[in-house]
Amino acid sequence: MKIYRLEKGIVLIGKAWEIRTKLKEYHRTYATVNEWLHDEKTLKQSSKVSKQ
């Protein structure tokens, strides 16, 4: 499972069940994708994972 945070969106790569599980996990914290994109905490984590 790979997650790439870009300036305009989020790209999830993996099997369908992995993506569904990850979206449910993030839904506990963020009501919208926009909130997820603008959260500085996950921005710092994603910069460690992938630089795009």
Protein backbone atom coordinates (compact mmCIF):
# COMPACT_ATOMS: atom_id res chain seq x y z
CA MET A 1 0.00 0.00 0.00
CA LYS A 2 1.38 3.38 -1.02
CA ILE A 3 -0.04 6.81 -0.30
CA TYR A 4 1.18 9.89 -2.16
CA ARG A 5 0.10 13.34 -1.00
CA LEU A 6 0.25 15.84 -3.81
CA GLU A 7 -0.63 19.52 -3.80
CA LYS A 8 -4.04 18.93 -5.39
CA GLY A 9 -4.96 15.50 -4.09
CA ILE A 10 -4.06 12.13 -2.69
CA VAL A 11 -3.14 8.99 -4.63
CA LEU A 12 -3.71 5.60 -3.03
CA ILE A 13 -2.06 2.57 -4.62
CA GLY A 14 -2.83 -0.95 -3.48
CA LYS A 15 -5.43 -3.65 -3.47
CA ALA A 16 -9.07 -2.58 -3.21
CA TRP A 17 -9.49 -3.93 0.33
CA GLU A 18 -6.31 -2.12 1.47
CA ILE A 19 -7.53 1.19 0.05
CA ARG A 20 -10.99 0.79 1.64
CA THR A 21 -9.41 -0.01 5.01
CA LYS A 22 -7.06 2.98 4.81
CA LEU A 23 -9.90 5.34 3.83
CA LYS A 24 -11.97 4.12 6.79
CA GLU A 25 -8.98 4.72 9.05
CA TYR A 26 -8.49 8.28 7.79
CA HIS A 27 -12.24 8.95 7.95
CA ARG A 28 -12.02 8.70 11.74
CA THR A 29 -9.77 11.78 11.73
CA TYR A 30 -10.86 13.76 8.66
CA ALA A 31 -14.38 14.40 7.41
CA THR A 32 -13.19 15.51 3.96
CA VAL A 33 -10.18 15.02 1.71
CA ASN A 34 -9.65 18.78 1.84
CA GLU A 35 -9.09 18.58 5.61
CA TRP A 36 -6.64 15.73 5.06
CA LEU A 37 -4.71 17.75 2.48
CA HIS A 38 -4.40 20.78 4.71
CA ASP A 39 -3.34 18.94 7.85
CA GLU A 40 0.31 19.72 8.58
CA LYS A 41 0.84 16.57 10.65
CA THR A 42 0.26 14.21 7.71
CA LEU A 43 2.19 16.53 5.39
CA LYS A 44 5.32 15.96 7.48
CA GLN A 45 4.75 12.19 7.50
CA SER A 46 4.18 11.99 3.75
CA SER A 47 7.32 13.98 2.97
CA LYS A 48 9.28 11.18 4.67
CA VAL A 49 7.53 8.52 2.58
CA SER A 50 7.65 10.07 -0.88
CA LYS A 51 9.02 13.26 -2.32
CA GLN A 52 6.81 14.49 -5.15
